[in-house]
Amino acid sequence: MKDLITPEERRGRLYLGPYVYRFYAAEGQALYIGVTAGTALRWTDHRKTSEWWSLAEYVAVSFYAEYDRALVAEAAAIKAERPAFNRQWLRPRKQTVIKFEDGAESIAAELHHIARPEFVAELARLLGSPELFPGPVPPPAPIFPAQQ
């Protein structure tokens, strides 16, 4: 795997532009997904310090014109592929603020962004079954002496 990095890349002289990289095990399992501004020096760091490096058999690289787009793509790839050694973007938020005045579409987009797909599907099922949540039963009206 160390031969994937050329001497020019090791010296940081080769600038490739921002890219997302994915390392895979021999069986095709995603090990790690990352982003770099444009040199392969990050891979040198991984080779020296990452516990997954010795497991990596394949690498895929996707180039982007802008670093911001590469960051968005990295987050989406990590959420979709759930690599074994990534930590960022995999822990769901424990809470979020839902503003009903923002509308259902905005709330749905936020939930899709932060929650696991299984949770969103179960929530949709429950929201589509109002019979599961009957409203509160009002207390009986008071009886006044004049009504007796």
Protein backbone atom coordinates (compact mmCIF):
# COMPACT_ATOMS: atom_id res chain seq x y z
CA MET A 1 0.00 0.00 0.00
CA LYS A 2 2.88 2.42 0.68
CA ASP A 3 3.79 2.37 -3.04
CA LEU A 4 0.60 4.28 -3.80
CA ILE A 5 2.32 7.45 -2.59
CA THR A 6 4.93 8.73 -5.01
CA PRO A 7 8.14 10.45 -3.87
CA GLU A 8 6.72 13.78 -5.11
CA GLU A 9 3.60 13.26 -3.02
CA ARG A 10 5.71 12.38 0.02
CA ARG A 11 7.56 15.66 -0.33
CA GLY A 12 4.26 17.53 -0.74
CA ARG A 13 5.16 18.85 -4.19
CA LEU A 14 2.29 17.32 -6.09
CA TYR A 15 -0.95 19.25 -5.67
CA LEU A 16 -4.00 17.36 -6.87
CA GLY A 17 -6.80 19.66 -5.71
CA PRO A 18 -9.31 18.80 -3.01
CA TYR A 19 -10.43 15.19 -2.99
CA VAL A 20 -12.30 12.60 -0.97
CA TYR A 21 -10.50 9.31 -0.47
CA ARG A 22 -11.91 5.96 0.60
CA PHE A 23 -9.88 3.02 1.85
CA TYR A 24 -11.41 -0.46 1.61
CA ALA A 25 -10.54 -3.92 2.95
CA ALA A 26 -10.07 -6.82 0.55
CA GLU A 27 -13.73 -7.85 1.00
CA GLY A 28 -14.89 -4.39 -0.03
CA GLN A 29 -15.74 -3.15 3.47
CA ALA A 30 -15.17 0.59 3.85
CA LEU A 31 -12.41 1.14 6.39
CA TYR A 32 -11.94 4.90 6.35
CA ILE A 33 -13.18 7.89 4.34
CA GLY A 34 -11.41 11.24 4.49
CA VAL A 35 -10.86 14.51 2.70
CA THR A 36 -7.73 16.49 1.96
CA ALA A 37 -7.08 19.89 0.45
CA GLY A 38 -4.95 18.44 -2.27
CA THR A 39 -1.76 16.60 -1.34
CA ALA A 40 -1.19 13.00 -0.40
CA LEU A 41 0.64 13.95 2.81
CA ARG A 42 -2.47 12.98 4.76
CA TRP A 43 -2.00 9.41 3.55
CA THR A 44 1.51 9.43 4.96
CA ASP A 45 0.04 10.35 8.34
CA HIS A 46 -2.49 7.53 8.04
CA ARG A 47 0.25 5.06 7.14
CA LYS A 48 2.18 6.02 10.28
CA THR A 49 -0.65 6.30 12.80
CA SER A 50 -3.87 4.62 11.63
CA GLU A 51 -4.72 1.20 12.99
CA TRP A 52 -6.65 0.34 9.81
CA TRP A 53 -3.78 1.01 7.34
CA SER A 54 -2.55 -2.59 7.30
CA LEU A 55 -6.10 -3.76 6.46
CA ALA A 56 -6.43 -1.50 3.41
CA GLU A 57 -6.33 -3.19 0.01
CA TYR A 58 -8.13 -0.70 -2.22
CA VAL A 59 -8.43 3.06 -2.43
CA ALA A 60 -10.88 5.21 -4.37
CA VAL A 61 -10.40 8.93 -4.96
CA SER A 62 -12.99 11.52 -6.03
CA PHE A 63 -11.73 14.97 -7.06
CA TYR A 64 -13.62 18.23 -6.52
CA ALA A 65 -13.16 21.76 -7.78
CA GLU A 66 -13.80 23.29 -4.35
CA TYR A 67 -12.88 22.13 -0.86
CA ASP A 68 -16.36 22.94 0.50
CA ARG A 69 -17.91 20.50 -1.98
CA ALA A 70 -15.39 17.84 -1.01
CA LEU A 71 -16.34 18.28 2.67
CA VAL A 72 -20.04 17.81 1.88
CA ALA A 73 -19.24 14.73 -0.21
CA GLU A 74 -17.08 13.28 2.56
CA ALA A 75 -19.87 13.65 5.14
CA ALA A 76 -22.40 12.06 2.77
CA ALA A 77 -20.06 9.16 1.96
CA ILE A 78 -19.35 8.46 5.63
CA LYS A 79 -23.06 8.47 6.47
CA ALA A 80 -23.89 6.22 3.52
CA GLU A 81 -21.02 3.73 3.74
CA ARG A 82 -20.44 3.75 7.54
CA PRO A 83 -16.72 2.93 7.42
CA ALA A 84 -15.40 0.85 10.31
CA PHE A 85 -12.82 3.37 11.54
CA ASN A 86 -14.46 6.76 11.01
CA ARG A 87 -15.91 8.54 14.03
CA GLN A 88 -16.97 11.89 12.63
CA TRP A 89 -20.44 12.12 11.04
CA LEU A 90 -21.52 8.75 12.45
CA ARG A 91 -22.80 9.71 15.88
CA PRO A 92 -26.34 11.02 15.65
CA ARG A 93 -27.16 14.21 17.48
CA LYS A 94 -29.07 13.60 20.67
CA GLN A 95 -31.35 16.56 20.19
CA THR A 96 -32.42 19.19 17.71
CA VAL A 97 -34.78 22.13 17.72
CA ILE A 98 -37.90 21.66 15.64
CA LYS A 99 -39.65 24.89 14.72
CA PHE A 100 -43.13 24.06 13.50
CA GLU A 101 -43.41 27.43 11.78
CA ASP A 102 -40.61 26.28 9.41
CA GLY A 103 -43.02 23.78 7.87
CA ALA A 104 -43.12 20.03 7.45
CA GLU A 105 -40.64 19.90 4.56
CA SER A 106 -37.98 21.77 6.52
CA ILE A 107 -38.50 19.56 9.57
CA ALA A 108 -38.32 16.41 7.43
CA ALA A 109 -35.08 17.62 5.82
CA GLU A 110 -33.55 18.23 9.25
CA LEU A 111 -34.56 14.78 10.48
CA HIS A 112 -33.17 13.12 7.35
CA HIS A 113 -29.94 15.04 7.90
CA ILE A 114 -29.38 14.06 11.54
CA ALA A 115 -31.17 10.75 12.13
CA ARG A 116 -30.58 7.19 11.01
CA PRO A 117 -32.85 6.10 8.14
CA GLU A 118 -34.45 3.39 10.31
CA PHE A 119 -35.50 6.00 12.87
CA VAL A 120 -36.98 8.28 10.19
CA ALA A 121 -38.94 5.36 8.70
CA GLU A 122 -40.32 4.33 12.10
CA LEU A 123 -41.25 7.93 12.92
CA ALA A 124 -43.07 8.25 9.57
CA ARG A 125 -44.99 5.05 10.31
CA LEU A 126 -46.01 6.30 13.74
CA LEU A 127 -46.99 9.74 12.48
CA GLY A 128 -49.16 8.08 9.85
CA SER A 129 -51.06 6.16 12.54
CA PRO A 130 -52.87 8.76 14.68
CA GLU A 131 -55.08 6.03 16.13
CA LEU A 132 -52.06 4.92 18.14
CA PHE A 133 -52.14 8.24 19.99
CA PRO A 134 -55.67 9.05 21.09
CA GLY A 135 -56.12 12.55 22.41
CA PRO A 136 -56.61 13.18 26.08
CA VAL A 137 -60.04 12.45 27.51
CA PRO A 138 -61.51 15.64 28.93
CA PRO A 139 -62.66 15.50 32.54
CA PRO A 140 -66.41 15.41 33.09
CA ALA A 141 -68.09 18.79 33.23
CA PRO A 142 -68.85 19.92 36.75
CA ILE A 143 -72.40 19.59 37.97
CA PHE A 144 -73.67 22.74 39.63
CA PRO A 145 -76.47 22.68 42.20
CA ALA A 146 -78.84 24.48 39.83
CA GLN A 147 -78.37 21.69 37.25
CA GLN A 148 -79.46 18.92 39.68
